[in-house]
Protein backbone atom coordinates (compact mmCIF):
# COMPACT_ATOMS: atom_id res chain seq x y z
CA UNK A 1 70.92 16.01 206.80
CA UNK A 2 72.12 18.35 209.24
CA UNK A 3 68.52 19.62 209.69
CA UNK A 4 67.23 16.31 210.52
CA UNK A 5 70.06 15.54 213.41
CA UNK A 6 68.83 18.89 215.00
CA UNK A 7 65.29 17.88 214.60
CA UNK A 8 65.99 15.06 216.34
CA UNK A 9 68.28 16.72 218.99
CA UNK A 10 65.15 18.72 219.75
CA UNK A 11 62.79 15.66 220.15
CA UNK A 12 64.65 13.97 222.11
CA UNK A 13 65.52 16.78 224.24
CA UNK A 14 61.49 17.41 225.34
CA UNK A 15 61.31 13.22 225.36
CA UNK A 16 60.01 13.46 228.89
CA UNK A 17 57.92 16.75 229.12
CA UNK A 18 54.63 16.07 228.69
CA UNK A 19 53.37 17.72 225.36
CA UNK A 20 50.34 18.82 223.80
CA UNK A 21 48.98 17.58 220.55
CA UNK A 22 47.83 19.02 217.26
CA UNK A 23 44.38 19.46 218.28
CA UNK A 24 45.16 22.29 220.38
CA UNK A 25 42.02 24.85 221.01
CA UNK A 26 44.30 27.72 220.72
CA UNK A 27 47.15 28.72 218.35
CA UNK A 28 49.27 29.50 222.16
CA UNK A 29 48.77 29.67 225.99
CA UNK A 30 50.90 32.31 228.06
CA UNK A 31 53.02 31.49 231.46
CA UNK A 32 53.95 34.74 234.00
CA UNK A 33 56.95 34.74 235.03
CA UNK A 34 59.28 36.93 237.60
CA UNK A 35 63.12 36.81 237.04
CA UNK A 36 65.38 37.54 240.13
CA UNK A 37 65.58 41.59 239.46
CA UNK A 38 61.79 41.46 239.60
CA UNK A 39 60.74 41.48 236.05
CA UNK A 40 58.01 39.85 234.34
CA UNK A 41 58.40 38.22 231.19
CA UNK A 42 55.71 35.62 229.12
CA UNK A 43 56.98 32.12 228.59
CA UNK A 44 54.55 31.52 225.57
CA UNK A 45 53.62 27.63 224.22
CA UNK A 46 52.54 27.07 220.59
CA UNK A 47 52.20 23.94 218.76
CA UNK A 48 54.71 23.79 215.51
CA UNK A 49 55.70 20.43 213.39
CA UNK A 50 57.83 17.82 214.77
CA UNK A 51 59.53 17.51 210.63
CA UNK A 52 58.20 14.05 211.27
CA UNK A 53 53.84 14.76 210.54
CA UNK A 54 52.88 15.16 214.09
CA UNK A 55 53.60 18.12 215.97
CA UNK A 56 55.42 19.22 219.05
CA UNK A 57 54.45 21.90 221.63
CA UNK A 58 57.58 24.66 221.63
CA UNK A 59 58.52 27.40 224.50
CA UNK A 60 59.41 31.06 223.56
CA UNK A 61 60.59 33.77 226.33
CA UNK A 62 59.17 36.95 225.30
CA UNK A 63 60.20 40.28 227.44
CA UNK A 64 58.54 43.73 227.48
CA UNK A 65 60.15 46.42 225.26
CA UNK A 66 58.75 48.99 227.63
CA UNK A 67 55.94 49.74 225.25
CA UNK A 68 53.49 47.24 225.22
CA UNK A 69 55.37 44.35 223.02
CA UNK A 70 56.80 41.16 223.61
CA UNK A 71 60.78 40.84 221.87
CA UNK A 72 61.95 37.15 221.13
CA UNK A 73 65.66 37.37 221.43
CA UNK A 74 67.65 33.84 220.21
CA UNK A 75 70.05 34.29 222.59
CA UNK A 76 68.27 34.57 225.90
CA UNK A 77 66.47 30.91 224.98
CA UNK A 78 66.86 27.61 226.98
CA UNK A 79 68.95 25.30 224.97
CA UNK A 80 65.54 22.75 223.36
CA UNK A 81 64.32 26.66 221.75
CA UNK A 82 67.19 27.46 220.29
CA UNK A 83 67.22 23.97 218.51
CA UNK A 84 63.90 24.35 217.40
CA UNK A 85 64.99 27.44 215.84
CA UNK A 86 67.88 26.43 214.24
CA UNK A 87 65.21 23.25 212.59
CA UNK A 88 62.80 25.38 211.54
CA UNK A 89 65.30 27.35 209.30
CA UNK A 90 67.46 24.64 208.43
CA UNK A 91 64.27 22.54 206.59
CA UNK A 92 64.57 25.94 204.31
CA UNK A 93 67.75 26.14 204.44
CA UNK A 94 68.34 29.14 206.78
CA UNK A 95 69.89 30.09 209.67
CA UNK A 96 68.43 31.79 212.74
CA UNK A 97 68.06 35.26 212.48
CA UNK A 98 70.49 37.80 214.24
CA UNK A 99 67.22 40.35 214.28
CA UNK A 100 64.88 40.59 217.20
CA UNK A 101 61.27 39.71 216.64
CA UNK A 102 58.16 40.60 218.05
CA UNK A 103 55.06 38.52 218.81
CA UNK A 104 51.71 40.12 217.45
CA UNK A 105 49.02 39.91 220.37
CA UNK A 106 48.94 35.84 221.15
CA UNK A 107 50.90 34.67 218.04
CA UNK A 108 54.21 32.72 218.42
CA UNK A 109 56.79 32.55 215.47
CA UNK A 110 60.26 32.48 213.45
CA UNK A 111 62.67 34.72 211.67
CA UNK A 112 65.09 32.96 209.36
CA UNK A 113 68.13 34.89 207.49
CA UNK A 114 69.74 33.12 204.25
CA UNK A 115 72.29 35.00 201.98
CA UNK A 116 73.01 38.36 203.96
CA UNK A 117 75.73 40.90 202.93
CA UNK A 118 77.00 44.14 205.07
CA UNK A 119 79.97 46.19 206.15
CA UNK A 120 83.24 45.33 203.59
CA UNK A 121 81.20 43.18 200.87
CA UNK A 122 78.59 45.52 201.24
CA UNK A 123 80.27 48.69 200.12
CA UNK A 124 80.19 46.94 196.67
CA UNK A 125 76.77 48.33 196.63
CA UNK A 126 77.19 51.87 194.86
CA UNK A 127 75.43 54.72 196.78
CA UNK A 128 73.15 55.32 193.77
CA UNK A 129 71.84 51.66 193.48
CA UNK A 130 68.58 50.52 193.19
CA UNK A 131 66.86 50.02 196.50
CA UNK A 132 64.92 47.24 196.05
CA UNK A 133 62.28 44.74 198.41
CA UNK A 134 60.42 41.67 197.11
CA UNK A 135 58.09 40.16 199.06
CA UNK A 136 55.59 36.76 198.93
CA UNK A 137 52.86 36.52 201.59
CA UNK A 138 51.62 32.64 202.59
CA UNK A 139 48.95 31.25 200.22
CA UNK A 140 47.57 28.08 199.85
CA UNK A 141 45.17 25.67 201.79
CA UNK A 142 45.26 25.18 205.51
CA UNK A 143 43.27 22.74 208.31
CA UNK A 144 40.29 24.11 210.41
CA UNK A 145 40.31 24.30 214.40
CA UNK A 146 44.22 23.06 214.25
CA UNK A 147 47.07 25.08 214.62
CA UNK A 148 49.25 25.75 211.53
CA UNK A 149 52.23 27.73 210.79
CA UNK A 150 52.21 30.04 207.46
CA UNK A 151 55.45 31.74 205.92
CA UNK A 152 56.18 35.30 204.50
CA UNK A 153 59.10 35.23 202.04
CA UNK A 154 61.47 38.56 201.45
CA UNK A 155 64.84 39.47 199.65
CA UNK A 156 66.02 43.07 199.64
CA UNK A 157 68.91 45.17 199.05
CA UNK A 158 69.39 48.70 200.23
CA UNK A 159 72.36 51.01 199.27
CA UNK A 160 72.58 52.66 202.89
CA UNK A 161 72.85 51.17 206.27
CA UNK A 162 69.53 51.14 209.02
CA UNK A 163 66.54 49.32 210.14
CA UNK A 164 64.94 46.57 208.23
CA UNK A 165 61.76 45.60 209.20
CA UNK A 166 59.70 42.49 208.34
CA UNK A 167 56.46 41.20 209.56
CA UNK A 168 54.24 38.27 208.10
CA UNK A 169 50.30 38.55 208.35
CA UNK A 170 47.48 36.04 208.76
CA UNK A 171 43.52 36.63 208.68
CA UNK A 172 43.72 40.08 208.46
CA UNK A 173 46.69 40.91 210.76
CA UNK A 174 44.94 39.02 213.65
CA UNK A 175 48.60 36.48 214.19
CA UNK A 176 51.43 38.61 213.67
CA UNK A 177 55.25 38.03 213.72
CA UNK A 178 57.77 40.82 212.84
CA UNK A 179 61.50 40.60 212.88
CA UNK A 180 63.33 44.00 213.19
CA UNK A 181 67.41 43.69 212.00
CA UNK A 182 69.72 46.89 211.94
CA UNK A 183 72.86 47.36 209.34
CA UNK A 184 75.81 49.53 209.90
CA UNK A 185 76.22 49.79 205.57
CA UNK A 186 74.52 49.12 202.97
CA UNK A 187 73.15 45.28 202.45
CA UNK A 188 71.84 42.40 201.06
CA UNK A 189 69.61 40.46 202.93
CA UNK A 190 66.92 37.47 202.43
CA UNK A 191 64.86 35.63 204.93
CA UNK A 192 61.57 34.06 205.69
CA UNK A 193 59.28 34.93 208.85
CA UNK A 194 56.75 31.86 210.26
CA UNK A 195 53.19 32.93 212.87
CA UNK A 196 51.63 30.33 213.97
CA UNK A 197 47.71 30.76 213.65
CA UNK A 198 44.32 29.15 213.63
CA UNK A 199 41.11 29.34 212.03
CA UNK A 200 37.68 27.42 213.54
CA UNK A 201 35.71 27.37 210.58
CA UNK A 202 36.04 27.10 206.47
CA UNK A 203 36.54 30.52 205.13
CA UNK A 204 39.00 32.19 202.68
CA UNK A 205 41.73 34.45 205.23
CA UNK A 206 43.74 36.67 204.03
CA UNK A 207 47.58 37.02 204.03
CA UNK A 208 50.26 39.58 204.16
CA UNK A 209 54.14 40.27 204.10
CA UNK A 210 55.45 43.77 204.58
CA UNK A 211 58.91 44.72 204.81
CA UNK A 212 60.40 48.27 204.64
CA UNK A 213 64.14 49.41 204.57
CA UNK A 214 65.74 53.21 204.70
CA UNK A 215 64.54 54.11 201.35
CA UNK A 216 62.03 51.51 200.17
CA UNK A 217 59.01 49.24 201.47
CA UNK A 218 57.73 46.01 199.70
CA UNK A 219 54.07 44.53 200.04
CA UNK A 220 52.53 41.30 198.79
CA UNK A 221 49.01 40.22 199.73
CA UNK A 222 48.14 36.64 199.66
CA UNK A 223 44.91 34.32 200.59
CA UNK A 224 44.45 30.64 202.19
CA UNK A 225 41.46 28.65 201.92
CA UNK A 226 40.98 26.86 205.81
CA UNK A 227 38.75 23.68 204.91
């Protein structure tokens, strides 16, 4: 299976690195680095599934957009991070999003895209077609005291080009990850957005999945039970 091959390649690339265990007390740790231009960026390390029942610490390079937001761009990542992004998307039958990710607070996440049509094929959507968005928030039982990931799902159609913004949230927005894409013309799009979070006591946790396209927004609320 292609996903397993990519996952194995990723794990081999980290075989010599010391990986934190799944009982990490926080969902992520940050290291600040300065590039040759004097700009400071964040290397965020967080726990994610190794696709074999355990976890690995994955690093993401996040750059400030000048407005206090930390931005993830696939093309700026190390090969190991790209391989992991590919693997987690292939695990749900998708590919890494071509958009920009926004990590909320200390959270980390990933965005994957499924079927997406724009441009010449997108013009087959009539200008007066109904614009629509469907979303599904994370739900179910989650562990206490360890980092876990939650997934929001989305599908949509837009009769005009513009921005598509999708945000998955956990614990009333304490952990969020946003994916932003831009389309030049009418489009259909689908995808999933992942976010890592940790809950330290047994309780119910509110979740959300919010998506906006130029003429329509869609929202869904869910509940997780941490135990």
